Amino acid sequence: MGRNTTGILLIILGLIVLALPLAGLITVSLLTGFALALLGIGLLIFGVGDMKESAALGIVEIVLGIIAILFGIGFMVYPGFFSFVAGLLIYLAGIFLIIIGIIGIFTAKGARWNAVITLIIGLIYLVLGYLVSDPFILGVLIGLWLLIVGIMTMMRKD
């Protein structure tokens, strides 16, 4: 498939998702959940196989497999859980950036502006994490992302 065809398809998908943000979120949640469930099954299979070589590695793979399967099923059954997890991860990243920014402000000698910018980005992440936890807003952001990637794909010169 050519670059222009891919770009047009992404633009069309982006417009559809912008028109129906919750339908787009449900689709992304289902696909992500299915992929996570498959990953979990693979981790379980390899974990059992790796128990012969390293019990610790096998146990870690089995535990991660179970977690991946649970999250995958959760995403497939309840798409709101997907937006909650996405918001939570962005929110946690914002908290870490704020902590790093505060530490940098008090400890950095020549790079205090870097720390201030890190602090500001952390605050932006907190707001985004709060917004993304709303399934409707996350659906709109997914639609915007598809639209922007489609436009950039069409404009790219190789």
C-alpha atoms as a PDB file:
ATOM      1  CA  MET A   1       0.000   0.000   0.000  1.00  0.00           C
ATOM      2  CA  GLY A   2       1.385   3.372  -0.972  1.00  0.00           C
ATOM      3  CA  ARG A   3       2.174   6.232   1.330  1.00  0.00           C
ATOM      4  CA  ASN A   4      -0.674   8.385  -0.001  1.00  0.00           C
ATOM      5  CA  THR A   5      -3.189   5.560   0.392  1.00  0.00           C
ATOM      6  CA  THR A   6      -2.062   4.992   3.980  1.00  0.00           C
ATOM      7  CA  GLY A   7      -2.279   8.717   4.693  1.00  0.00           C
ATOM      8  CA  ILE A   8      -5.785   8.962   3.235  1.00  0.00           C
ATOM      9  CA  LEU A   9      -6.943   5.930   5.254  1.00  0.00           C
ATOM     10  CA  LEU A  10      -5.516   7.421   8.450  1.00  0.00           C
ATOM     11  CA  ILE A  11      -7.205  10.752   7.762  1.00  0.00           C
ATOM     12  CA  ILE A  12     -10.545   9.023   7.113  1.00  0.00           C
ATOM     13  CA  LEU A  13     -10.168   6.925  10.283  1.00  0.00           C
ATOM     14  CA  GLY A  14      -9.235  10.047  12.248  1.00  0.00           C
ATOM     15  CA  LEU A  15     -12.351  11.869  11.035  1.00  0.00           C
ATOM     16  CA  ILE A  16     -14.543   8.864  11.851  1.00  0.00           C
ATOM     17  CA  VAL A  17     -13.069   8.617  15.346  1.00  0.00           C
ATOM     18  CA  LEU A  18     -13.479  12.374  15.855  1.00  0.00           C
ATOM     19  CA  ALA A  19     -17.133  12.009  14.868  1.00  0.00           C
ATOM     20  CA  LEU A  20     -17.603   8.959  17.135  1.00  0.00           C
ATOM     21  CA  PRO A  21     -14.908   9.208  19.842  1.00  0.00           C
ATOM     22  CA  LEU A  22     -16.297   6.482  22.083  1.00  0.00           C
ATOM     23  CA  ALA A  23     -16.480   4.021  19.181  1.00  0.00           C
ATOM     24  CA  GLY A  24     -12.834   4.779  18.418  1.00  0.00           C
ATOM     25  CA  LEU A  25     -11.875   4.285  22.049  1.00  0.00           C
ATOM     26  CA  ILE A  26     -13.736   0.974  22.186  1.00  0.00           C
ATOM     27  CA  THR A  27     -11.879  -0.210  19.078  1.00  0.00           C
ATOM     28  CA  VAL A  28      -8.468   0.785  20.446  1.00  0.00           C
ATOM     29  CA  SER A  29      -9.327  -0.746  23.812  1.00  0.00           C
ATOM     30  CA  LEU A  30     -10.395  -4.031  22.196  1.00  0.00           C
ATOM     31  CA  LEU A  31      -7.282  -4.225  20.016  1.00  0.00           C
ATOM     32  CA  THR A  32      -4.989  -3.375  22.907  1.00  0.00           C
ATOM     33  CA  GLY A  33      -6.770  -5.843  25.179  1.00  0.00           C
ATOM     34  CA  PHE A  34      -6.518  -8.614  22.591  1.00  0.00           C
ATOM     35  CA  ALA A  35      -2.814  -7.920  22.069  1.00  0.00           C
ATOM     36  CA  LEU A  36      -2.188  -7.884  25.825  1.00  0.00           C
ATOM     37  CA  ALA A  37      -4.080 -11.144  26.275  1.00  0.00           C
ATOM     38  CA  LEU A  38      -1.988 -12.780  23.533  1.00  0.00           C
ATOM     39  CA  LEU A  39       1.176 -11.406  25.133  1.00  0.00           C
ATOM     40  CA  GLY A  40       0.064 -12.828  28.475  1.00  0.00           C
ATOM     41  CA  ILE A  41      -0.607 -16.253  26.982  1.00  0.00           C
ATOM     42  CA  GLY A  42       2.836 -16.200  25.362  1.00  0.00           C
ATOM     43  CA  LEU A  43       4.462 -15.205  28.646  1.00  0.00           C
ATOM     44  CA  LEU A  44       2.654 -18.032  30.437  1.00  0.00           C
ATOM     45  CA  ILE A  45       3.807 -20.577  27.860  1.00  0.00           C
ATOM     46  CA  PHE A  46       7.408 -19.364  27.901  1.00  0.00           C
ATOM     47  CA  GLY A  47       7.342 -19.042  31.699  1.00  0.00           C
ATOM     48  CA  VAL A  48       6.419 -22.691  32.095  1.00  0.00           C
ATOM     49  CA  GLY A  49       9.128 -23.639  29.592  1.00  0.00           C
ATOM     50  CA  ASP A  50      11.747 -21.460  31.277  1.00  0.00           C
ATOM     51  CA  MET A  51      11.089 -23.002  34.713  1.00  0.00           C
ATOM     52  CA  LYS A  52      13.546 -25.780  33.794  1.00  0.00           C
ATOM     53  CA  GLU A  53      16.404 -23.340  33.142  1.00  0.00           C
ATOM     54  CA  SER A  54      15.642 -20.677  35.742  1.00  0.00           C
ATOM     55  CA  ALA A  55      12.835 -20.921  38.268  1.00  0.00           C
ATOM     56  CA  ALA A  56      13.013 -17.190  39.031  1.00  0.00           C
ATOM     57  CA  LEU A  57      12.735 -16.212  35.360  1.00  0.00           C
ATOM     58  CA  GLY A  58       9.875 -18.653  34.858  1.00  0.00           C
ATOM     59  CA  ILE A  59       7.968 -17.300  37.848  1.00  0.00           C
ATOM     60  CA  VAL A  60       8.459 -13.705  36.713  1.00  0.00           C
ATOM     61  CA  GLU A  61       7.198 -14.563  33.227  1.00  0.00           C
ATOM     62  CA  ILE A  62       4.182 -16.411  34.634  1.00  0.00           C
ATOM     63  CA  VAL A  63       3.271 -13.521  36.961  1.00  0.00           C
ATOM     64  CA  LEU A  64       3.674 -10.974  34.149  1.00  0.00           C
ATOM     65  CA  GLY A  65       1.619 -13.230  31.889  1.00  0.00           C
ATOM     66  CA  ILE A  66      -1.219 -13.370  34.392  1.00  0.00           C
ATOM     67  CA  ILE A  67      -1.116  -9.578  34.843  1.00  0.00           C
ATOM     68  CA  ALA A  68      -1.122  -9.046  31.057  1.00  0.00           C
ATOM     69  CA  ILE A  69      -4.067 -11.418  30.622  1.00  0.00           C
ATOM     70  CA  LEU A  70      -6.030  -9.668  33.380  1.00  0.00           C
ATOM     71  CA  PHE A  71      -5.376  -6.230  31.897  1.00  0.00           C
ATOM     72  CA  GLY A  72      -6.171  -7.521  28.404  1.00  0.00           C
ATOM     73  CA  ILE A  73      -9.496  -8.953  29.540  1.00  0.00           C
ATOM     74  CA  GLY A  74     -10.207  -5.748  31.459  1.00  0.00           C
ATOM     75  CA  PHE A  75      -9.566  -3.621  28.364  1.00  0.00           C
ATOM     76  CA  MET A  76     -11.756  -5.856  26.198  1.00  0.00           C
ATOM     77  CA  VAL A  77     -14.644  -6.034  28.683  1.00  0.00           C
ATOM     78  CA  TYR A  78     -14.615  -2.443  29.959  1.00  0.00           C
ATOM     79  CA  PRO A  79     -13.066   0.226  27.679  1.00  0.00           C
ATOM     80  CA  GLY A  80     -13.376   2.771  30.502  1.00  0.00           C
ATOM     81  CA  PHE A  81     -10.648   0.785  32.285  1.00  0.00           C
ATOM     82  CA  PHE A  82      -8.373   1.485  29.298  1.00  0.00           C
ATOM     83  CA  SER A  83      -8.822   5.245  29.666  1.00  0.00           C
ATOM     84  CA  PHE A  84      -8.376   4.966  33.445  1.00  0.00           C
ATOM     85  CA  VAL A  85      -5.049   3.122  33.029  1.00  0.00           C
ATOM     86  CA  ALA A  86      -3.872   5.550  30.327  1.00  0.00           C
ATOM     87  CA  GLY A  87      -4.746   8.518  32.534  1.00  0.00           C
ATOM     88  CA  LEU A  88      -3.102   6.928  35.560  1.00  0.00           C
ATOM     89  CA  LEU A  89       0.159   6.267  33.698  1.00  0.00           C
ATOM     90  CA  ILE A  90       0.293   9.827  32.339  1.00  0.00           C
ATOM     91  CA  TYR A  91      -0.553  11.168  35.798  1.00  0.00           C
ATOM     92  CA  LEU A  92       2.255   9.100  37.388  1.00  0.00           C
ATOM     93  CA  ALA A  93       4.708  10.320  34.752  1.00  0.00           C
ATOM     94  CA  GLY A  94       3.679  13.888  35.625  1.00  0.00           C
ATOM     95  CA  ILE A  95       4.321  13.270  39.330  1.00  0.00           C
ATOM     96  CA  PHE A  96       7.783  11.893  38.556  1.00  0.00           C
ATOM     97  CA  LEU A  97       8.578  14.883  36.324  1.00  0.00           C
ATOM     98  CA  ILE A  98       7.449  17.304  39.030  1.00  0.00           C
ATOM     99  CA  ILE A  99       9.641  15.563  41.607  1.00  0.00           C
ATOM    100  CA  ILE A 100      12.616  15.601  39.231  1.00  0.00           C
ATOM    101  CA  GLY A 101      11.972  19.276  38.432  1.00  0.00           C
ATOM    102  CA  ILE A 102      11.833  20.258  42.118  1.00  0.00           C
ATOM    103  CA  ILE A 103      15.011  18.323  42.881  1.00  0.00           C
ATOM    104  CA  GLY A 104      16.694  19.914  39.863  1.00  0.00           C
ATOM    105  CA  ILE A 105      15.704  23.436  40.919  1.00  0.00           C
ATOM    106  CA  PHE A 106      17.358  22.993  44.309  1.00  0.00           C
ATOM    107  CA  THR A 107      20.416  21.024  43.192  1.00  0.00           C
ATOM    108  CA  ALA A 108      21.304  22.191  39.669  1.00  0.00           C
ATOM    109  CA  LYS A 109      23.738  25.061  39.434  1.00  0.00           C
ATOM    110  CA  GLY A 110      23.822  25.990  35.763  1.00  0.00           C
ATOM    111  CA  ALA A 111      20.790  24.115  34.475  1.00  0.00           C
ATOM    112  CA  ARG A 112      17.973  25.437  36.638  1.00  0.00           C
ATOM    113  CA  TRP A 113      15.920  26.360  33.570  1.00  0.00           C
ATOM    114  CA  ASN A 114      15.953  22.716  32.517  1.00  0.00           C
ATOM    115  CA  ALA A 115      14.506  21.832  35.909  1.00  0.00           C
ATOM    116  CA  VAL A 116      11.844  24.546  35.623  1.00  0.00           C
ATOM    117  CA  ILE A 117      10.855  23.264  32.186  1.00  0.00           C
ATOM    118  CA  THR A 118      10.700  19.712  33.583  1.00  0.00           C
ATOM    119  CA  LEU A 119       8.442  20.965  36.368  1.00  0.00           C
ATOM    120  CA  ILE A 120       6.156  22.724  33.876  1.00  0.00           C
ATOM    121  CA  ILE A 121       5.962  19.623  31.669  1.00  0.00           C
ATOM    122  CA  GLY A 122       5.113  17.584  34.764  1.00  0.00           C
ATOM    123  CA  LEU A 123       2.232  19.931  35.550  1.00  0.00           C
ATOM    124  CA  ILE A 124       1.009  19.618  31.943  1.00  0.00           C
ATOM    125  CA  TYR A 125       1.165  15.817  32.309  1.00  0.00           C
ATOM    126  CA  LEU A 126      -0.984  16.035  35.450  1.00  0.00           C
ATOM    127  CA  VAL A 127      -3.644  17.943  33.534  1.00  0.00           C
ATOM    128  CA  LEU A 128      -3.429  15.559  30.565  1.00  0.00           C
ATOM    129  CA  GLY A 129      -3.630  12.536  32.867  1.00  0.00           C
ATOM    130  CA  TYR A 130      -6.791  13.938  34.385  1.00  0.00           C
ATOM    131  CA  LEU A 131      -8.292  14.664  30.960  1.00  0.00           C
ATOM    132  CA  VAL A 132      -7.307  11.321  29.406  1.00  0.00           C
ATOM    133  CA  SER A 133      -9.063   9.432  32.182  1.00  0.00           C
ATOM    134  CA  ASP A 134     -12.325  10.604  30.567  1.00  0.00           C
ATOM    135  CA  PRO A 135     -13.108   8.052  27.798  1.00  0.00           C
ATOM    136  CA  PHE A 136     -14.695  10.696  25.552  1.00  0.00           C
ATOM    137  CA  ILE A 137     -11.643  12.966  25.660  1.00  0.00           C
ATOM    138  CA  LEU A 138      -9.295  10.016  25.092  1.00  0.00           C
ATOM    139  CA  GLY A 139     -11.377   9.049  22.040  1.00  0.00           C
ATOM    140  CA  VAL A 140     -11.065  12.590  20.677  1.00  0.00           C
ATOM    141  CA  LEU A 141      -7.291  12.534  21.255  1.00  0.00           C
ATOM    142  CA  ILE A 142      -7.029   9.199  19.421  1.00  0.00           C
ATOM    143  CA  GLY A 143      -8.960  10.704  16.504  1.00  0.00           C
ATOM    144  CA  LEU A 144      -6.716  13.780  16.448  1.00  0.00           C
ATOM    145  CA  TRP A 145      -3.646  11.553  16.545  1.00  0.00           C
ATOM    146  CA  LEU A 146      -4.884   9.512  13.568  1.00  0.00           C
ATOM    147  CA  LEU A 147      -5.680  12.690  11.649  1.00  0.00           C
ATOM    148  CA  ILE A 148      -2.279  14.284  12.345  1.00  0.00           C
ATOM    149  CA  VAL A 149      -0.359  11.101  11.489  1.00  0.00           C
ATOM    150  CA  GLY A 150      -2.370  10.790   8.262  1.00  0.00           C
ATOM    151  CA  ILE A 151      -1.567  14.369   7.253  1.00  0.00           C
ATOM    152  CA  MET A 152       2.109  13.936   8.137  1.00  0.00           C
ATOM    153  CA  THR A 153       2.231  10.701   6.148  1.00  0.00           C
ATOM    154  CA  MET A 154       0.815  12.465   3.098  1.00  0.00           C
ATOM    155  CA  MET A 155       3.263  15.373   3.443  1.00  0.00           C
ATOM    156  CA  ARG A 156       6.352  13.215   3.992  1.00  0.00           C
ATOM    157  CA  LYS A 157       8.917  13.337   1.212  1.00  0.00           C
ATOM    158  CA  ASP A 158      11.054  10.263   0.726  1.00  0.00           C
END
